[in-house]
């Protein structure tokens, strides 16, 4: 079963972290392929599109990805990969050359363009903590 933090117990939200693949399958060899198999999915549960421009996705160590001119369609999901790639409607890339998400324990936190907490997903020792 792949490592994921899909069930983080959050109440229903209009925009949420819906799944996390924090441990890319296979060896952690820092290849772009391996880096891109580490990802976070953000889902819009509403019918209307949401402008994510300026929103951030960060780990506990302060590695932060900022959404740039991206609008998430209604009832859609976007996957934010760690490695390098070409952004599409369904896949965005942080363009990093090192892993972001700790395999043992970490928290992915989503904040809006006003730096307000939107959602988080934790695994490992932080699984039951709520970081706002």
N, C-alpha and C. Protein backbone atom coordinates (compact mmCIF):
# COMPACT_ATOMS: atom_id res chain seq x y z
N UNK A 1 0.84 -1.18 0.00
CA UNK A 1 0.00 0.00 0.00
C UNK A 1 0.88 1.24 0.00
N UNK A 2 0.66 2.22 -0.89
CA UNK A 2 1.51 3.40 -0.94
C UNK A 2 1.34 4.26 0.30
N UNK A 3 2.42 4.92 0.68
CA UNK A 3 2.38 5.83 1.82
C UNK A 3 1.55 7.04 1.45
N UNK A 4 0.55 7.34 2.26
CA UNK A 4 -0.25 8.52 2.00
C UNK A 4 -0.84 9.03 3.30
N UNK A 5 -1.28 10.25 3.27
CA UNK A 5 -1.92 10.87 4.43
C UNK A 5 -3.30 11.35 4.01
N UNK A 6 -4.04 10.47 3.36
CA UNK A 6 -5.34 10.87 2.81
C UNK A 6 -6.38 11.09 3.90
N UNK A 7 -6.35 10.29 4.95
CA UNK A 7 -7.37 10.38 5.98
C UNK A 7 -6.82 11.17 7.16
N UNK A 8 -6.89 12.49 7.07
CA UNK A 8 -6.35 13.29 8.15
C UNK A 8 -7.42 13.83 9.07
N UNK A 9 -8.65 13.34 8.93
CA UNK A 9 -9.71 13.64 9.87
C UNK A 9 -10.25 15.06 9.82
N UNK A 10 -9.93 15.82 8.80
CA UNK A 10 -10.43 17.19 8.72
C UNK A 10 -11.91 17.19 8.39
N UNK A 11 -12.63 18.18 8.92
CA UNK A 11 -14.03 18.32 8.54
C UNK A 11 -14.10 18.74 7.08
N UNK A 12 -15.28 18.68 6.49
CA UNK A 12 -15.44 19.05 5.08
C UNK A 12 -15.02 20.49 4.89
N UNK A 13 -14.21 20.76 3.88
CA UNK A 13 -13.73 22.10 3.56
C UNK A 13 -13.98 22.35 2.08
N UNK A 14 -14.08 23.63 1.70
CA UNK A 14 -14.27 23.94 0.29
C UNK A 14 -13.00 23.62 -0.49
N UNK A 15 -11.82 23.95 0.06
CA UNK A 15 -10.55 23.57 -0.54
C UNK A 15 -9.77 22.83 0.53
N UNK A 16 -9.23 21.67 0.17
CA UNK A 16 -8.54 20.86 1.17
C UNK A 16 -7.36 20.09 0.57
N UNK A 17 -6.47 19.68 1.46
CA UNK A 17 -5.43 18.72 1.09
C UNK A 17 -6.11 17.36 1.12
N UNK A 18 -6.27 16.76 -0.05
CA UNK A 18 -7.04 15.52 -0.13
C UNK A 18 -6.18 14.27 -0.06
N UNK A 19 -4.94 14.33 -0.53
CA UNK A 19 -4.04 13.17 -0.48
C UNK A 19 -2.59 13.66 -0.46
N UNK A 20 -1.73 12.86 0.17
CA UNK A 20 -0.30 13.15 0.17
C UNK A 20 0.47 11.87 -0.10
N UNK A 21 1.37 11.92 -1.06
CA UNK A 21 2.31 10.82 -1.31
C UNK A 21 3.67 11.34 -0.83
N UNK A 22 3.97 11.11 0.44
CA UNK A 22 5.18 11.69 1.03
C UNK A 22 6.41 10.80 0.87
N UNK A 23 6.22 9.55 0.56
CA UNK A 23 7.35 8.63 0.37
C UNK A 23 7.25 8.07 -1.03
N UNK A 24 8.03 8.63 -1.94
CA UNK A 24 7.96 8.18 -3.33
C UNK A 24 8.36 6.71 -3.42
N UNK A 25 7.65 5.92 -4.23
CA UNK A 25 7.94 4.50 -4.35
C UNK A 25 9.37 4.25 -4.84
N UNK A 26 9.97 3.19 -4.37
CA UNK A 26 11.33 2.84 -4.80
C UNK A 26 12.38 3.55 -3.97
N UNK A 27 13.58 3.61 -4.53
CA UNK A 27 14.71 4.23 -3.85
C UNK A 27 14.61 5.75 -3.90
N UNK A 28 14.96 6.38 -2.79
CA UNK A 28 15.04 7.84 -2.76
C UNK A 28 16.40 8.26 -3.31
N UNK A 29 16.49 8.35 -4.63
CA UNK A 29 17.77 8.61 -5.29
C UNK A 29 17.86 10.03 -5.86
N UNK A 30 16.90 10.89 -5.53
CA UNK A 30 16.84 12.28 -5.97
C UNK A 30 16.73 12.44 -7.49
N UNK A 31 16.38 11.38 -8.19
CA UNK A 31 16.13 11.54 -9.62
C UNK A 31 14.84 12.35 -9.78
N UNK A 32 14.69 13.04 -10.89
CA UNK A 32 13.49 13.83 -11.10
C UNK A 32 12.25 12.94 -11.08
N UNK A 33 12.38 11.75 -11.62
CA UNK A 33 11.25 10.81 -11.60
C UNK A 33 10.82 10.49 -10.16
N UNK A 34 11.81 10.21 -9.30
CA UNK A 34 11.51 9.92 -7.90
C UNK A 34 10.95 11.15 -7.19
N UNK A 35 11.53 12.31 -7.44
CA UNK A 35 11.04 13.54 -6.82
C UNK A 35 9.59 13.83 -7.20
N UNK A 36 9.23 13.54 -8.44
CA UNK A 36 7.86 13.82 -8.89
C UNK A 36 6.86 12.77 -8.44
N UNK A 37 7.34 11.68 -7.85
CA UNK A 37 6.42 10.70 -7.25
C UNK A 37 6.15 11.04 -5.79
N UNK A 38 6.68 12.17 -5.34
CA UNK A 38 6.34 12.75 -4.05
C UNK A 38 5.43 13.94 -4.37
N UNK A 39 4.20 13.95 -3.84
CA UNK A 39 3.24 14.97 -4.21
C UNK A 39 2.18 15.20 -3.15
N UNK A 40 1.47 16.31 -3.30
CA UNK A 40 0.32 16.66 -2.46
C UNK A 40 -0.83 17.01 -3.39
N UNK A 41 -2.01 16.48 -3.12
CA UNK A 41 -3.19 16.83 -3.91
C UNK A 41 -4.05 17.84 -3.16
N UNK A 42 -4.47 18.85 -3.89
CA UNK A 42 -5.37 19.89 -3.37
C UNK A 42 -6.68 19.76 -4.14
N UNK A 43 -7.79 19.67 -3.42
CA UNK A 43 -9.10 19.46 -4.04
C UNK A 43 -10.03 20.63 -3.71
N UNK A 44 -10.75 21.07 -4.74
CA UNK A 44 -11.80 22.08 -4.60
C UNK A 44 -13.13 21.32 -4.57
N UNK A 45 -13.80 21.33 -3.44
CA UNK A 45 -15.05 20.59 -3.27
C UNK A 45 -16.29 21.39 -3.67
N UNK A 46 -16.10 22.61 -4.15
CA UNK A 46 -17.24 23.43 -4.53
C UNK A 46 -17.46 23.37 -6.04
N UNK A 47 -18.56 23.94 -6.49
CA UNK A 47 -18.85 23.99 -7.93
C UNK A 47 -18.11 25.12 -8.63
N UNK A 48 -17.71 26.13 -7.88
CA UNK A 48 -17.04 27.30 -8.45
C UNK A 48 -15.53 27.17 -8.40
N UNK A 49 -14.87 27.75 -9.38
CA UNK A 49 -13.41 27.73 -9.37
C UNK A 49 -12.89 28.62 -8.25
N UNK A 50 -11.67 28.32 -7.79
CA UNK A 50 -11.04 29.07 -6.72
C UNK A 50 -9.69 29.56 -7.22
N UNK A 51 -9.43 30.85 -7.06
CA UNK A 51 -8.16 31.43 -7.45
C UNK A 51 -7.14 31.14 -6.35
N UNK A 52 -6.13 30.31 -6.64
CA UNK A 52 -5.11 29.95 -5.66
C UNK A 52 -3.87 30.83 -5.75
N UNK A 53 -3.91 31.88 -6.55
CA UNK A 53 -2.76 32.76 -6.70
C UNK A 53 -2.34 33.31 -5.33
N UNK A 54 -1.09 33.08 -4.96
CA UNK A 54 -0.57 33.54 -3.68
C UNK A 54 -0.77 32.60 -2.52
N UNK A 55 -1.53 31.51 -2.72
CA UNK A 55 -1.68 30.50 -1.68
C UNK A 55 -0.36 29.77 -1.51
N UNK A 56 -0.13 29.18 -0.33
CA UNK A 56 1.11 28.46 -0.08
C UNK A 56 0.85 27.06 0.45
N UNK A 57 1.80 26.18 0.15
CA UNK A 57 1.82 24.81 0.65
C UNK A 57 3.20 24.64 1.27
N UNK A 58 3.26 24.32 2.57
CA UNK A 58 4.55 24.28 3.26
C UNK A 58 4.67 23.05 4.14
N UNK A 59 5.93 22.65 4.38
CA UNK A 59 6.20 21.57 5.33
C UNK A 59 6.66 22.18 6.65
N UNK A 60 6.96 21.33 7.63
CA UNK A 60 7.35 21.80 8.95
C UNK A 60 8.69 22.53 8.95
N UNK A 61 9.56 22.23 7.99
CA UNK A 61 10.88 22.85 7.93
C UNK A 61 10.88 24.18 7.19
N UNK A 62 9.71 24.61 6.72
CA UNK A 62 9.62 25.90 6.06
C UNK A 62 9.80 25.87 4.55
N UNK A 63 9.93 24.67 3.95
CA UNK A 63 9.95 24.59 2.49
C UNK A 63 8.56 25.00 2.01
N UNK A 64 8.48 26.03 1.20
CA UNK A 64 7.19 26.59 0.82
C UNK A 64 7.06 26.68 -0.69
N UNK A 65 5.93 26.21 -1.18
CA UNK A 65 5.56 26.37 -2.59
C UNK A 65 4.46 27.41 -2.65
N UNK A 66 4.59 28.40 -3.51
CA UNK A 66 3.57 29.43 -3.68
C UNK A 66 2.90 29.25 -5.03
N UNK A 67 1.59 29.14 -5.02
CA UNK A 67 0.82 29.02 -6.26
C UNK A 67 0.91 30.34 -7.00
N UNK A 68 1.16 30.28 -8.30
CA UNK A 68 1.34 31.47 -9.11
C UNK A 68 0.37 31.46 -10.29
N UNK A 69 -0.58 32.36 -10.29
CA UNK A 69 -1.55 32.48 -11.38
C UNK A 69 -2.21 31.14 -11.69
N UNK A 70 -2.77 30.50 -10.67
CA UNK A 70 -3.41 29.21 -10.87
C UNK A 70 -4.84 29.28 -10.33
N UNK A 71 -5.77 28.82 -11.14
CA UNK A 71 -7.18 28.75 -10.75
C UNK A 71 -7.60 27.28 -10.78
N UNK A 72 -8.08 26.80 -9.63
CA UNK A 72 -8.52 25.41 -9.50
C UNK A 72 -10.01 25.34 -9.80
N UNK A 73 -10.35 24.61 -10.84
CA UNK A 73 -11.74 24.48 -11.27
C UNK A 73 -12.60 23.86 -10.17
N UNK A 74 -13.91 24.06 -10.30
CA UNK A 74 -14.85 23.45 -9.37
C UNK A 74 -14.81 21.94 -9.46
N UNK A 75 -14.90 21.29 -8.30
CA UNK A 75 -14.89 19.82 -8.20
C UNK A 75 -13.66 19.22 -8.86
N UNK A 76 -12.52 19.91 -8.78
CA UNK A 76 -11.28 19.46 -9.42
C UNK A 76 -10.18 19.28 -8.38
N UNK A 77 -9.15 18.55 -8.78
CA UNK A 77 -7.99 18.29 -7.94
C UNK A 77 -6.74 18.60 -8.73
N UNK A 78 -5.76 19.21 -8.08
CA UNK A 78 -4.46 19.45 -8.67
C UNK A 78 -3.42 18.73 -7.82
N UNK A 79 -2.44 18.15 -8.48
CA UNK A 79 -1.36 17.43 -7.80
C UNK A 79 -0.10 18.31 -7.88
N UNK A 80 0.46 18.63 -6.71
CA UNK A 80 1.67 19.46 -6.64
C UNK A 80 2.86 18.53 -6.40
N UNK A 81 3.68 18.35 -7.45
CA UNK A 81 4.84 17.46 -7.41
C UNK A 81 6.06 18.23 -6.88
N UNK A 82 6.99 17.50 -6.29
CA UNK A 82 8.19 18.12 -5.73
C UNK A 82 9.20 18.48 -6.82
N UNK A 83 9.38 17.65 -7.81
CA UNK A 83 10.44 17.82 -8.80
C UNK A 83 10.15 18.84 -9.88
N UNK A 84 10.87 18.69 -10.97
CA UNK A 84 10.81 19.63 -12.09
C UNK A 84 9.86 19.11 -13.16
N UNK A 85 9.06 20.00 -13.75
CA UNK A 85 8.15 19.61 -14.81
C UNK A 85 7.43 20.82 -15.36
N UNK A 86 6.56 20.57 -16.32
CA UNK A 86 5.76 21.62 -16.94
C UNK A 86 4.37 21.64 -16.32
N UNK A 87 3.98 22.78 -15.78
CA UNK A 87 2.68 22.91 -15.14
C UNK A 87 1.55 22.70 -16.14
N UNK A 88 0.53 21.98 -15.69
CA UNK A 88 -0.70 21.78 -16.46
C UNK A 88 -1.88 22.10 -15.55
N UNK A 89 -3.06 21.91 -16.05
CA UNK A 89 -4.27 22.14 -15.25
C UNK A 89 -4.35 21.19 -14.06
N UNK A 90 -3.82 19.96 -14.22
CA UNK A 90 -3.94 18.93 -13.18
C UNK A 90 -2.65 18.64 -12.43
N UNK A 91 -1.53 19.14 -12.90
CA UNK A 91 -0.24 18.87 -12.28
C UNK A 91 0.60 20.14 -12.22
N UNK A 92 1.09 20.47 -11.02
CA UNK A 92 1.99 21.60 -10.83
C UNK A 92 3.30 21.07 -10.28
N UNK A 93 4.39 21.79 -10.51
CA UNK A 93 5.72 21.32 -10.11
C UNK A 93 6.43 22.39 -9.30
N UNK A 94 7.04 21.96 -8.18
CA UNK A 94 7.78 22.89 -7.33
C UNK A 94 9.17 23.19 -7.90
N UNK A 95 9.62 22.38 -8.84
CA UNK A 95 10.93 22.55 -9.48
C UNK A 95 12.08 22.46 -8.49
N UNK A 96 11.99 21.52 -7.57
CA UNK A 96 13.04 21.29 -6.58
C UNK A 96 13.91 20.11 -6.99
N UNK A 97 15.11 20.10 -6.47
CA UNK A 97 16.05 19.00 -6.73
C UNK A 97 16.29 18.14 -5.50
N UNK A 98 15.55 18.42 -4.42
CA UNK A 98 15.62 17.62 -3.20
C UNK A 98 14.21 17.36 -2.69
N UNK A 99 14.07 16.33 -1.88
CA UNK A 99 12.76 15.97 -1.32
C UNK A 99 12.29 17.03 -0.33
N UNK A 100 10.99 17.19 -0.22
CA UNK A 100 10.40 18.13 0.72
C UNK A 100 9.80 17.39 1.91
N UNK A 101 9.00 16.39 1.65
CA UNK A 101 8.20 15.75 2.69
C UNK A 101 8.99 14.65 3.38
N UNK A 102 9.06 14.72 4.71
CA UNK A 102 9.77 13.73 5.50
C UNK A 102 8.98 12.42 5.51
N UNK A 103 9.67 11.32 5.24
CA UNK A 103 8.99 10.03 5.17
C UNK A 103 8.46 9.55 6.52
N UNK A 104 9.10 9.94 7.59
CA UNK A 104 8.72 9.44 8.92
C UNK A 104 7.61 10.27 9.57
N UNK A 105 7.72 11.58 9.47
CA UNK A 105 6.78 12.45 10.17
C UNK A 105 6.88 13.86 9.61
N UNK A 106 5.75 14.43 9.26
CA UNK A 106 5.74 15.80 8.73
C UNK A 106 4.29 16.28 8.71
N UNK A 107 4.13 17.55 8.39
CA UNK A 107 2.81 18.14 8.21
C UNK A 107 2.84 19.03 6.98
N UNK A 108 1.90 18.84 6.08
CA UNK A 108 1.71 19.71 4.93
C UNK A 108 0.62 20.70 5.31
N UNK A 109 0.91 21.99 5.18
CA UNK A 109 -0.05 23.02 5.56
C UNK A 109 -0.37 23.91 4.37
N UNK A 110 -1.65 24.10 4.13
CA UNK A 110 -2.15 24.94 3.05
C UNK A 110 -2.68 26.24 3.66
N UNK A 111 -2.20 27.38 3.13
CA UNK A 111 -2.66 28.70 3.58
C UNK A 111 -3.10 29.52 2.37
N UNK A 112 -4.07 30.40 2.60
CA UNK A 112 -4.55 31.24 1.50
C UNK A 112 -3.63 32.44 1.28
N UNK A 113 -4.02 33.31 0.35
CA UNK A 113 -3.17 34.45 -0.01
C UNK A 113 -3.12 35.52 1.07
N UNK A 114 -3.88 35.36 2.15
CA UNK A 114 -3.80 36.25 3.31
C UNK A 114 -3.09 35.55 4.47
N UNK A 115 -2.41 34.43 4.17
CA UNK A 115 -1.67 33.63 5.14
C UNK A 115 -2.57 33.02 6.22
N UNK A 116 -3.83 32.82 5.89
CA UNK A 116 -4.77 32.20 6.82
C UNK A 116 -4.79 30.69 6.58
N UNK A 117 -4.83 29.96 7.68
CA UNK A 117 -4.88 28.50 7.64
C UNK A 117 -6.09 28.04 6.85
N UNK A 118 -5.87 27.08 5.93
CA UNK A 118 -6.97 26.47 5.17
C UNK A 118 -7.11 25.00 5.55
N UNK A 119 -6.01 24.25 5.53
CA UNK A 119 -6.06 22.83 5.86
C UNK A 119 -4.64 22.32 6.10
N UNK A 120 -4.56 21.13 6.70
CA UNK A 120 -3.27 20.47 6.83
C UNK A 120 -3.47 18.97 6.79
N UNK A 121 -2.37 18.27 6.57
CA UNK A 121 -2.35 16.80 6.60
C UNK A 121 -1.05 16.41 7.29
N UNK A 122 -1.15 15.53 8.28
CA UNK A 122 0.01 15.10 9.05
C UNK A 122 0.14 13.60 9.01
N UNK A 123 1.38 13.12 9.20
CA UNK A 123 1.64 11.69 9.29
C UNK A 123 2.77 11.48 10.28
N UNK A 124 2.93 10.24 10.71
CA UNK A 124 3.95 9.94 11.71
C UNK A 124 3.54 10.47 13.07
N UNK A 125 4.49 10.98 13.83
CA UNK A 125 4.21 11.43 15.20
C UNK A 125 3.27 12.62 15.25
N UNK A 126 3.09 13.33 14.14
CA UNK A 126 2.23 14.51 14.10
C UNK A 126 0.82 14.21 13.59
N UNK A 127 0.52 12.95 13.37
CA UNK A 127 -0.74 12.58 12.72
C UNK A 127 -1.97 13.16 13.41
N UNK A 128 -1.96 13.23 14.74
CA UNK A 128 -3.15 13.68 15.44
C UNK A 128 -3.07 15.13 15.92
N UNK A 129 -2.00 15.83 15.56
CA UNK A 129 -1.90 17.23 15.94
C UNK A 129 -2.57 18.09 14.88
N UNK A 130 -3.14 19.18 15.30
CA UNK A 130 -3.75 20.11 14.36
C UNK A 130 -2.93 21.38 14.41
N UNK A 131 -2.24 21.71 13.35
CA UNK A 131 -1.34 22.86 13.31
C UNK A 131 -2.01 24.03 12.59
N UNK A 132 -2.42 25.01 13.32
CA UNK A 132 -3.07 26.18 12.74
C UNK A 132 -2.22 27.34 12.95
